[in-house]
Amino acid sequence: MVVSDVAGSVSVLDGFIITGGGIAGVYCESSSLLIQHNKITDSDTGIYCFESAQPVIKNNWFYKNENGIYLDNPEDTAVVRNNTIAYNANVGVYQHVGTYADISNCIIWGNEGGQLDLDDRYMPTYSCIQDSSEVNPYHNINTDPCFAYDDPNDYHLVPDSPCIDAGDPAGDYTGDRDIDKHFRVLDGDGDDGKRVDMGADEYCNQGADNAADFNEDDIVDTSDLIEMAELWLTDPGPSSKYDLYPDNTIDYIDFAYFAKEWFWMTCEMMQGYAMMEMMMGASGESMPALSGVEGLMAEDELLSPTTQKEESSLPAEPSVEGQIEQIKSLLDWLYEIAGEVDEETWLSLTTTLEEMLKELEAD
């Protein structure tokens, strides 16, 4: 059992497997505790907090305990977010008086004694709760979360889980990672809309390949940008990997596609990548947004680097107005990453794009 019982203290419990903890896997009393990225199982209660100050419990699995989370007379609001609380023998989340918890983005499922024992006025939001009739206005669902492969010890989500991209879109997930240390927030359902998932697992479908990852090191970053810049405004010949928009010229249209993939990385790379502030914006969106770039071509014309069309079926070049807006967006993005890119590469690209912009605006 892990114990935090020093009044006024703030402790962090991160990344442990806690099993067979007796009365509680984690016990906190009169203290603040950040509990994240843990797997807590086979205890009487996963977490028992008594008169705690303000525990933050997020991105954990609680399974096969007697109770999942037990909050006993908390003195301040406990934050219970993005946890998977499943198949415990009694209640998923129980609160006995005190300041009620802020529960969101959780999966509370399969707990034999009931999913919740709370005052009805304090319902979770944006959560998957078995047999819950409290769907609206709380944005909850009561559909099978579809855990991975029916493994009783595996609570990852499968690709068709209704919990993917179903969490609170207005939450602040800055710096958050899921139980596997994948970034929050990812586009799990492939519709180009990034939204946090319910539960501790952020479904990661990044894949193993990306055409903009020129050096094949599992991340699209400055080293790939430097390779592209070396061929800037040249004719690289047919089938060049740098010609992302295959028209036999490395120009700003290729750069637009490259910028759209900026800091793409494989799921495995995410687990060890440390530059969180650079990677994630305040809303959890990955990478600085290229405002307007995606909308300058029709949806069926905007090519993904992984799905290039043959040259004979290339879409028409954007209008002059579209090109102007596209270049402005690219310049804005370049200025955002100025400190992260080789200065010579950065100057070459910005100077060329600014010259193109002047020519287009003069027409």
Foldseek 3Di string as FASTA:
>chain_A
DAEAEDAAEEEEAAQEEFEPPEQESYEYENEEYEYELYEAEHYQEDYEYAQYAEYEAAQYEAEHHQEYYEYEAHADEYEAAQAEQEHHAAEHYEYHDHDYYAAWLAEQYHHNNAHYHDDPVRDYALYAGAPDPCCPPRVYHPDPQDAPPPDRRGRAGDLPGPQALRTDQQDFQQPHAASLLAAPWDNSNPPPDTHRGRHRYHHFDLDQDALLPPVSPFWNEQVSLVVLLVQAQHQPDPPDSQPLAPPRGSYVLSVLLSQVRHGRGHRVVSSPDDPRPQQADRSRDGHDDLPPSCVQDPVVQDDHSVDHDDPVPHDDDGDLVSLLSNLVSVLVRLVVCVVVHDVVSSCSRNVVSVVVNVVSVVD
